[in-house]
Structure formats: C-alpha cells, structure tokens
Protein backbone atom coordinates (compact mmCIF):
# COMPACT_ATOMS: atom_id res chain seq x y z
CA MET A 1 6.31 -6.57 11.22
CA ALA A 2 4.61 -8.71 13.75
CA GLY A 3 2.20 -6.85 16.24
CA GLU A 4 1.86 -3.83 13.80
CA ALA A 5 -1.55 -2.76 12.53
CA PRO A 6 -2.36 -4.43 9.23
CA ILE A 7 -2.51 -0.85 7.51
CA THR A 8 0.97 -0.21 8.60
CA GLN A 9 2.15 -3.51 7.31
CA ALA A 10 0.48 -2.81 3.93
CA VAL A 11 1.97 0.62 3.62
CA LYS A 12 5.51 -0.76 4.27
CA TRP A 13 4.93 -3.68 1.90
CA ILE A 14 3.76 -1.24 -1.00
CA GLU A 15 6.66 1.04 -0.43
CA ASP A 16 9.06 -2.02 -0.54
CA GLN A 17 7.34 -3.01 -3.80
CA LEU A 18 7.66 0.34 -5.29
CA VAL A 19 11.49 0.55 -4.23
CA ASP A 20 11.99 -2.82 -6.11
CA ASN A 21 9.92 -1.79 -9.10
CA PRO A 22 8.92 1.93 -9.27
CA GLY A 23 6.89 1.48 -12.28
CA ALA A 24 4.56 -1.06 -10.67
CA ASP A 25 0.82 -0.66 -11.10
CA ARG A 26 -0.21 1.07 -7.90
CA ILE A 27 -3.88 -0.10 -8.19
CA LYS A 28 -2.69 -3.80 -8.27
CA LEU A 29 -0.35 -3.31 -5.31
CA VAL A 30 -3.35 -1.77 -3.31
CA ASP A 31 -5.56 -4.69 -4.36
CA GLU A 32 -2.73 -7.21 -3.45
CA ALA A 33 -2.05 -5.49 -0.07
CA SER A 34 -5.81 -5.58 0.67
CA ARG A 35 -5.88 -9.18 0.33
CA ARG A 36 -2.51 -9.96 1.89
CA PHE A 37 -3.22 -7.97 4.97
CA ASP A 38 -7.00 -8.52 5.08
CA LEU A 39 -7.93 -4.74 4.83
CA SER A 40 -11.27 -3.26 4.99
CA PRO A 41 -12.48 -1.05 2.11
CA LEU A 42 -11.70 1.96 4.07
CA ASP A 43 -8.11 0.89 4.75
CA ALA A 44 -7.95 0.28 0.89
CA ASP A 45 -9.11 3.81 0.18
CA PHE A 46 -6.41 5.16 2.55
CA LEU A 47 -3.83 3.29 0.64
CA PHE A 48 -5.03 4.81 -2.62
CA ARG A 49 -4.81 8.37 -1.01
CA HIS A 50 -1.45 7.64 0.47
CA LEU A 51 0.07 6.62 -2.85
CA ALA A 52 -1.55 9.64 -4.61
CA GLU A 53 0.06 11.87 -2.08
CA ARG A 54 3.33 9.96 -2.40
CA ALA A 55 3.36 10.51 -6.25
CA LYS A 56 2.59 14.33 -5.81
CA LYS A 57 5.81 14.71 -3.68
CA LYS A 58 7.99 13.34 -6.33
C-alpha cells in the first residue's frame, strides 16, 4: 500500500473491513478511514458515494 494515494488506501481498507464484517456501520468506517488516511472532506464524500454505489450493486 505504500506509495498509493490515500483515497486508494482508504477504499481498500474499507473494503477489507466489509469483507471481515459485512454488517459494519459504513458511516463509522468512512469516519475512521478519513482519520486514518488523513482524507479531505471531498475524499470522505467520495467514499460515501462509493459505498452507496457498492451497496446498490448487491
């Protein structure tokens, strides 16, 4: 993961968390990822939209 953009790292981290715990609170995951990877508010918004699209595909 070293050298990857923080948003890419955050997406991978959230997806790993959801594999381990599919019922995890997505809002809390985005909040945690935002802090963990020092994301901007725009990046956090992207993560919310990414998770919403992911949920629609299932």
